[in-house]
Amino acid sequence: MNKIITIIQIVSALVLIVLILLQNKEGGLSGVFGGSDSSNVFRTKRGMEKKLFILTIVFTIFFLALSLASLFTY
């Protein structure tokens, strides 16, 4: 049982890494150091960007649940 949880956890971690890397990166580090440009407008996520964001949240919760499950099975 522990091996199955570990394998699923590794696969979900890889999927989570890919989902995070696919997120839209806009400002880079310029926003951290006070860089301002005209793209600092608040906007809502739409379409594929919103689905990717929700899928990332779902896989994060799934990965957390697997981590807790592997903690309690040992």
PDB file of N, CA and C in Angstrom:
ATOM      1  N   MET A   1       0.825  -1.204   0.000  1.00  0.00           N
ATOM      2  CA  MET A   1       0.000   0.000   0.000  1.00  0.00           C
ATOM      3  C   MET A   1       0.862   1.258   0.000  1.00  0.00           C
ATOM      4  N   ASN A   2       1.971   1.212   0.742  1.00  0.00           N
ATOM      5  CA  ASN A   2       2.848   2.377   0.802  1.00  0.00           C
ATOM      6  C   ASN A   2       3.487   2.671  -0.550  1.00  0.00           C
ATOM      7  N   LYS A   3       3.831   1.610  -1.295  1.00  0.00           N
ATOM      8  CA  LYS A   3       4.441   1.816  -2.607  1.00  0.00           C
ATOM      9  C   LYS A   3       3.465   2.466  -3.577  1.00  0.00           C
ATOM     10  N   ILE A   4       2.206   2.069  -3.503  1.00  0.00           N
ATOM     11  CA  ILE A   4       1.196   2.632  -4.398  1.00  0.00           C
ATOM     12  C   ILE A   4       0.996   4.116  -4.098  1.00  0.00           C
ATOM     13  N   ILE A   5       0.908   4.455  -2.826  1.00  0.00           N
ATOM     14  CA  ILE A   5       0.737   5.863  -2.443  1.00  0.00           C
ATOM     15  C   ILE A   5       1.946   6.684  -2.870  1.00  0.00           C
ATOM     16  N   THR A   6       3.142   6.111  -2.702  1.00  0.00           N
ATOM     17  CA  THR A   6       4.364   6.829  -3.086  1.00  0.00           C
ATOM     18  C   THR A   6       4.425   7.064  -4.594  1.00  0.00           C
ATOM     19  N   ILE A   7       4.057   6.063  -5.376  1.00  0.00           N
ATOM     20  CA  ILE A   7       4.079   6.210  -6.839  1.00  0.00           C
ATOM     21  C   ILE A   7       3.058   7.253  -7.290  1.00  0.00           C
ATOM     22  N   ILE A   8       1.851   7.197  -6.725  1.00  0.00           N
ATOM     23  CA  ILE A   8       0.829   8.187  -7.075  1.00  0.00           C
ATOM     24  C   ILE A   8       1.259   9.582  -6.645  1.00  0.00           C
ATOM     25  N   GLN A   9       1.934   9.673  -5.510  1.00  0.00           N
ATOM     26  CA  GLN A   9       2.410  10.971  -5.024  1.00  0.00           C
ATOM     27  C   GLN A   9       3.488  11.544  -5.948  1.00  0.00           C
ATOM     28  N   ILE A  10       4.370  10.716  -6.449  1.00  0.00           N
ATOM     29  CA  ILE A  10       5.409  11.182  -7.373  1.00  0.00           C
ATOM     30  C   ILE A  10       4.788  11.662  -8.678  1.00  0.00           C
ATOM     31  N   VAL A  11       3.832  10.900  -9.194  1.00  0.00           N
ATOM     32  CA  VAL A  11       3.169  11.292 -10.453  1.00  0.00           C
ATOM     33  C   VAL A  11       2.397  12.597 -10.270  1.00  0.00           C
ATOM     34  N   SER A  12       1.681  12.708  -9.146  1.00  0.00           N
ATOM     35  CA  SER A  12       0.926  13.943  -8.923  1.00  0.00           C
ATOM     36  C   SER A  12       1.854  15.135  -8.687  1.00  0.00           C
ATOM     37  N   ALA A  13       3.023  14.899  -8.093  1.00  0.00           N
ATOM     38  CA  ALA A  13       3.991  15.985  -7.925  1.00  0.00           C
ATOM     39  C   ALA A  13       4.511  16.461  -9.273  1.00  0.00           C
ATOM     40  N   LEU A  14       4.776  15.538 -10.176  1.00  0.00           N
ATOM     41  CA  LEU A  14       5.239  15.923 -11.509  1.00  0.00           C
ATOM     42  C   LEU A  14       4.161  16.689 -12.277  1.00  0.00           C
ATOM     43  N   VAL A  15       2.915  16.233 -12.167  1.00  0.00           N
ATOM     44  CA  VAL A  15       1.814  16.944 -12.824  1.00  0.00           C
ATOM     45  C   VAL A  15       1.646  18.334 -12.230  1.00  0.00           C
ATOM     46  N   LEU A  16       1.784  18.430 -10.911  1.00  0.00           N
ATOM     47  CA  LEU A  16       1.673  19.726 -10.245  1.00  0.00           C
ATOM     48  C   LEU A  16       2.790  20.675 -10.678  1.00  0.00           C
ATOM     49  N   ILE A  17       3.991  20.164 -10.844  1.00  0.00           N
ATOM     50  CA  ILE A  17       5.106  20.990 -11.322  1.00  0.00           C
ATOM     51  C   ILE A  17       4.812  21.528 -12.720  1.00  0.00           C
ATOM     52  N   VAL A  18       4.309  20.665 -13.587  1.00  0.00           N
ATOM     53  CA  VAL A  18       3.989  21.093 -14.956  1.00  0.00           C
ATOM     54  C   VAL A  18       2.877  22.143 -14.945  1.00  0.00           C
ATOM     55  N   LEU A  19       1.859  21.932 -14.120  1.00  0.00           N
ATOM     56  CA  LEU A  19       0.761  22.900 -14.052  1.00  0.00           C
ATOM     57  C   LEU A  19       1.234  24.256 -13.542  1.00  0.00           C
ATOM     58  N   ILE A  20       2.116  24.246 -12.573  1.00  0.00           N
ATOM     59  CA  ILE A  20       2.636  25.516 -12.044  1.00  0.00           C
ATOM     60  C   ILE A  20       3.496  26.219 -13.091  1.00  0.00           C
ATOM     61  N   LEU A  21       4.282  25.460 -13.826  1.00  0.00           N
ATOM     62  CA  LEU A  21       5.127  26.074 -14.851  1.00  0.00           C
ATOM     63  C   LEU A  21       4.310  26.610 -16.030  1.00  0.00           C
ATOM     64  N   LEU A  22       3.117  26.069 -16.249  1.00  0.00           N
ATOM     65  CA  LEU A  22       2.270  26.551 -17.339  1.00  0.00           C
ATOM     66  C   LEU A  22       1.511  27.827 -16.980  1.00  0.00           C
ATOM     67  N   GLN A  23       1.527  28.198 -15.707  1.00  0.00           N
ATOM     68  CA  GLN A  23       0.840  29.420 -15.296  1.00  0.00           C
ATOM     69  C   GLN A  23       1.453  30.616 -16.010  1.00  0.00           C
ATOM     70  N   ASN A  24       0.642  31.609 -16.250  1.00  0.00           N
ATOM     71  CA  ASN A  24       1.073  32.807 -16.968  1.00  0.00           C
ATOM     72  C   ASN A  24       1.964  33.663 -16.072  1.00  0.00           C
ATOM     73  N   LYS A  25       3.199  33.885 -16.520  1.00  0.00           N
ATOM     74  CA  LYS A  25       4.113  34.741 -15.774  1.00  0.00           C
ATOM     75  C   LYS A  25       4.141  36.093 -16.469  1.00  0.00           C
ATOM     76  N   GLU A  26       3.822  37.148 -15.727  1.00  0.00           N
ATOM     77  CA  GLU A  26       3.746  38.435 -16.394  1.00  0.00           C
ATOM     78  C   GLU A  26       4.872  39.376 -16.046  1.00  0.00           C
ATOM     79  N   GLY A  27       5.069  39.676 -14.794  1.00  0.00           N
ATOM     80  CA  GLY A  27       6.000  40.732 -14.467  1.00  0.00           C
ATOM     81  C   GLY A  27       7.398  40.283 -14.120  1.00  0.00           C
ATOM     82  N   GLY A  28       7.582  39.022 -13.808  1.00  0.00           N
ATOM     83  CA  GLY A  28       8.880  38.584 -13.361  1.00  0.00           C
ATOM     84  C   GLY A  28       9.208  39.182 -12.007  1.00  0.00           C
ATOM     85  N   LEU A  29      10.434  39.570 -11.814  1.00  0.00           N
ATOM     86  CA  LEU A  29      10.851  40.146 -10.541  1.00  0.00           C
ATOM     87  C   LEU A  29      10.714  41.658 -10.503  1.00  0.00           C
ATOM     88  N   SER A  30      10.242  42.261 -11.569  1.00  0.00           N
ATOM     89  CA  SER A  30      10.151  43.722 -11.574  1.00  0.00           C
ATOM     90  C   SER A  30       9.125  44.234 -10.565  1.00  0.00           C
ATOM     91  N   GLY A  31       8.065  43.466 -10.321  1.00  0.00           N
ATOM     92  CA  GLY A  31       7.061  43.877  -9.347  1.00  0.00           C
ATOM     93  C   GLY A  31       7.559  43.801  -7.921  1.00  0.00           C
ATOM     94  N   VAL A  32       8.532  42.929  -7.668  1.00  0.00           N
ATOM     95  CA  VAL A  32       9.071  42.774  -6.316  1.00  0.00           C
ATOM     96  C   VAL A  32       9.870  44.005  -5.920  1.00  0.00           C
ATOM     97  N   PHE A  33      10.603  44.564  -6.842  1.00  0.00           N
ATOM     98  CA  PHE A  33      11.479  45.689  -6.551  1.00  0.00           C
ATOM     99  C   PHE A  33      10.843  47.038  -6.859  1.00  0.00           C
ATOM    100  N   GLY A  34       9.554  47.061  -7.053  1.00  0.00           N
ATOM    101  CA  GLY A  34       8.846  48.322  -7.250  1.00  0.00           C
ATOM    102  C   GLY A  34       8.781  48.780  -8.686  1.00  0.00           C
ATOM    103  N   GLY A  35       9.135  47.928  -9.604  1.00  0.00           N
ATOM    104  CA  GLY A  35       9.038  48.308 -11.011  1.00  0.00           C
ATOM    105  C   GLY A  35       7.591  48.444 -11.419  1.00  0.00           C
ATOM    106  N   SER A  36       7.275  49.506 -12.080  1.00  0.00           N
ATOM    107  CA  SER A  36       5.882  49.696 -12.481  1.00  0.00           C
ATOM    108  C   SER A  36       5.809  49.877 -13.993  1.00  0.00           C
ATOM    109  N   ASP A  37       4.827  49.268 -14.554  1.00  0.00           N
ATOM    110  CA  ASP A  37       4.551  49.462 -15.969  1.00  0.00           C
ATOM    111  C   ASP A  37       3.037  49.464 -16.155  1.00  0.00           C
ATOM    112  N   SER A  38       2.602  49.610 -17.354  1.00  0.00           N
ATOM    113  CA  SER A  38       1.172  49.768 -17.598  1.00  0.00           C
ATOM    114  C   SER A  38       0.405  48.453 -17.491  1.00  0.00           C
ATOM    115  N   SER A  39       1.109  47.324 -17.317  1.00  0.00           N
ATOM    116  CA  SER A  39       0.404  46.043 -17.244  1.00  0.00           C
ATOM    117  C   SER A  39      -0.017  45.680 -15.828  1.00  0.00           C
ATOM    118  N   ASN A  40       0.148  46.567 -14.868  1.00  0.00           N
ATOM    119  CA  ASN A  40      -0.261  46.278 -13.490  1.00  0.00           C
ATOM    120  C   ASN A  40      -1.743  46.589 -13.288  1.00  0.00           C
ATOM    121  N   VAL A  41      -2.564  45.952 -14.079  1.00  0.00           N
ATOM    122  CA  VAL A  41      -4.002  46.150 -14.007  1.00  0.00           C
ATOM    123  C   VAL A  41      -4.608  44.864 -13.453  1.00  0.00           C
ATOM    124  N   PHE A  42      -5.512  45.004 -12.488  1.00  0.00           N
ATOM    125  CA  PHE A  42      -6.178  43.830 -11.963  1.00  0.00           C
ATOM    126  C   PHE A  42      -7.168  43.325 -12.996  1.00  0.00           C
ATOM    127  N   ARG A  43      -7.134  42.030 -13.212  1.00  0.00           N
ATOM    128  CA  ARG A  43      -8.034  41.443 -14.188  1.00  0.00           C
ATOM    129  C   ARG A  43      -8.471  40.072 -13.694  1.00  0.00           C
ATOM    130  N   THR A  44      -9.517  39.566 -14.272  1.00  0.00           N
ATOM    131  CA  THR A  44     -10.003  38.248 -13.884  1.00  0.00           C
ATOM    132  C   THR A  44      -9.454  37.202 -14.834  1.00  0.00           C
ATOM    133  N   LYS A  45      -9.340  35.985 -14.324  1.00  0.00           N
ATOM    134  CA  LYS A  45      -8.892  34.887 -15.161  1.00  0.00           C
ATOM    135  C   LYS A  45     -10.080  34.397 -15.982  1.00  0.00           C
ATOM    136  N   ARG A  46      -9.836  34.090 -17.246  1.00  0.00           N
ATOM    137  CA  ARG A  46     -10.900  33.638 -18.129  1.00  0.00           C
ATOM    138  C   ARG A  46     -10.413  32.477 -18.973  1.00  0.00           C
ATOM    139  N   GLY A  47     -11.326  31.667 -19.369  1.00  0.00           N
ATOM    140  CA  GLY A  47     -11.049  30.595 -20.307  1.00  0.00           C
ATOM    141  C   GLY A  47     -10.069  29.564 -19.793  1.00  0.00           C
ATOM    142  N   MET A  48      -9.092  29.269 -20.631  1.00  0.00           N
ATOM    143  CA  MET A  48      -8.113  28.233 -20.322  1.00  0.00           C
ATOM    144  C   MET A  48      -7.279  28.599 -19.100  1.00  0.00           C
ATOM    145  N   GLU A  49      -6.999  29.874 -18.912  1.00  0.00           N
ATOM    146  CA  GLU A  49      -6.211  30.315 -17.761  1.00  0.00           C
ATOM    147  C   GLU A  49      -6.935  29.998 -16.451  1.00  0.00           C
ATOM    148  N   LYS A  50      -8.245  30.166 -16.434  1.00  0.00           N
ATOM    149  CA  LYS A  50      -9.029  29.871 -15.235  1.00  0.00           C
ATOM    150  C   LYS A  50      -9.086  28.369 -14.977  1.00  0.00           C
ATOM    151  N   LYS A  51      -9.257  27.574 -16.033  1.00  0.00           N
ATOM    152  CA  LYS A  51      -9.285  26.121 -15.881  1.00  0.00           C
ATOM    153  C   LYS A  51      -7.943  25.594 -15.387  1.00  0.00           C
ATOM    154  N   LEU A  52      -6.864  26.155 -15.886  1.00  0.00           N
ATOM    155  CA  LEU A  52      -5.534  25.754 -15.451  1.00  0.00           C
ATOM    156  C   LEU A  52      -5.308  26.113 -13.988  1.00  0.00           C
ATOM    157  N   PHE A  53      -5.797  27.272 -13.573  1.00  0.00           N
ATOM    158  CA  PHE A  53      -5.681  27.718 -12.193  1.00  0.00           C
ATOM    159  C   PHE A  53      -6.462  26.794 -11.251  1.00  0.00           C
ATOM    160  N   ILE A  54      -7.689  26.443 -11.622  1.00  0.00           N
ATOM    161  CA  ILE A  54      -8.508  25.561 -10.795  1.00  0.00           C
ATOM    162  C   ILE A  54      -7.909  24.155 -10.750  1.00  0.00           C
ATOM    163  N   LEU A  55      -7.396  23.672 -11.874  1.00  0.00           N
ATOM    164  CA  LEU A  55      -6.764  22.361 -11.915  1.00  0.00           C
ATOM    165  C   LEU A  55      -5.521  22.320 -11.025  1.00  0.00           C
ATOM    166  N   THR A  56      -4.784  23.411 -10.974  1.00  0.00           N
ATOM    167  CA  THR A  56      -3.622  23.497 -10.096  1.00  0.00           C
ATOM    168  C   THR A  56      -4.045  23.411  -8.636  1.00  0.00           C
ATOM    169  N   ILE A  57      -5.125  24.066  -8.278  1.00  0.00           N
ATOM    170  CA  ILE A  57      -5.629  24.000  -6.901  1.00  0.00           C
ATOM    171  C   ILE A  57      -6.078  22.583  -6.564  1.00  0.00           C
ATOM    172  N   VAL A  58      -6.764  21.923  -7.492  1.00  0.00           N
ATOM    173  CA  VAL A  58      -7.236  20.562  -7.259  1.00  0.00           C
ATOM    174  C   VAL A  58      -6.060  19.611  -7.053  1.00  0.00           C
ATOM    175  N   PHE A  59      -5.036  19.708  -7.894  1.00  0.00           N
ATOM    176  CA  PHE A  59      -3.876  18.830  -7.750  1.00  0.00           C
ATOM    177  C   PHE A  59      -3.073  19.157  -6.497  1.00  0.00           C
ATOM    178  N   THR A  60      -3.076  20.397  -6.056  1.00  0.00           N
ATOM    179  CA  THR A  60      -2.408  20.751  -4.813  1.00  0.00           C
ATOM    180  C   THR A  60      -3.102  20.094  -3.624  1.00  0.00           C
ATOM    181  N   ILE A  61      -4.423  20.139  -3.599  1.00  0.00           N
ATOM    182  CA  ILE A  61      -5.183  19.500  -2.522  1.00  0.00           C
ATOM    183  C   ILE A  61      -5.001  17.984  -2.577  1.00  0.00           C
ATOM    184  N   PHE A  62      -4.989  17.409  -3.774  1.00  0.00           N
ATOM    185  CA  PHE A  62      -4.773  15.974  -3.944  1.00  0.00           C
ATOM    186  C   PHE A  62      -3.389  15.572  -3.443  1.00  0.00           C
ATOM    187  N   PHE A  63      -2.375  16.363  -3.775  1.00  0.00           N
ATOM    188  CA  PHE A  63      -1.017  16.077  -3.326  1.00  0.00           C
ATOM    189  C   PHE A  63      -0.914  16.186  -1.806  1.00  0.00           C
ATOM    190  N   LEU A  64      -1.569  17.169  -1.217  1.00  0.00           N
ATOM    191  CA  LEU A  64      -1.575  17.315   0.236  1.00  0.00           C
ATOM    192  C   LEU A  64      -2.247  16.117   0.906  1.00  0.00           C
ATOM    193  N   ALA A  65      -3.362  15.663   0.347  1.00  0.00           N
ATOM    194  CA  ALA A  65      -4.049  14.496   0.899  1.00  0.00           C
ATOM    195  C   ALA A  65      -3.187  13.242   0.801  1.00  0.00           C
ATOM    196  N   LEU A  66      -2.486  13.089  -0.319  1.00  0.00           N
ATOM    197  CA  LEU A  66      -1.589  11.938  -0.458  1.00  0.00           C
ATOM    198  C   LEU A  66      -0.438  12.010   0.533  1.00  0.00           C
ATOM    199  N   SER A  67       0.076  13.204   0.767  1.00  0.00           N
ATOM    200  CA  SER A  67       1.160  13.361   1.734  1.00  0.00           C
ATOM    201  C   SER A  67       0.706  12.990   3.134  1.00  0.00           C
ATOM    202  N   LEU A  68      -0.492  13.411   3.504  1.00  0.00           N
ATOM    203  CA  LEU A  68      -1.029  13.047   4.810  1.00  0.00           C
ATOM    204  C   LEU A  68      -1.318  11.555   4.901  1.00  0.00           C
ATOM    205  N   ALA A  69      -1.792  10.976   3.814  1.00  0.00           N
ATOM    206  CA  ALA A  69      -2.061   9.529   3.802  1.00  0.00           C
ATOM    207  C   ALA A  69      -0.774   8.731   3.953  1.00  0.00           C
ATOM    208  N   SER A  70       0.286   9.170   3.295  1.00  0.00           N
ATOM    209  CA  SER A  70       1.551   8.443   3.417  1.00  0.00           C
ATOM    210  C   SER A  70       2.169   8.646   4.799  1.00  0.00           C
ATOM    211  N   LEU A  71       1.882   9.760   5.427  1.00  0.00           N
ATOM    212  CA  LEU A  71       2.380  10.001   6.771  1.00  0.00           C
ATOM    213  C   LEU A  71       1.719   9.069   7.779  1.00  0.00           C
ATOM    214  N   PHE A  72       0.421   8.837   7.622  1.00  0.00           N
ATOM    215  CA  PHE A  72      -0.303   8.023   8.582  1.00  0.00           C
ATOM    216  C   PHE A  72      -0.216   6.528   8.300  1.00  0.00           C
ATOM    217  N   THR A  73       0.269   6.111   7.124  1.00  0.00           N
ATOM    218  CA  THR A  73       0.372   4.688   6.834  1.00  0.00           C
ATOM    219  C   THR A  73       1.694   4.103   7.310  1.00  0.00           C
ATOM    220  N   TYR A  74       2.652   4.928   7.643  1.00  0.00           N
ATOM    221  CA  TYR A  74       3.943   4.379   8.114  1.00  0.00           C
ATOM    222  C   TYR A  74       3.920   4.044   9.543  1.00  0.00           C
TER     223      TYR A  74
END
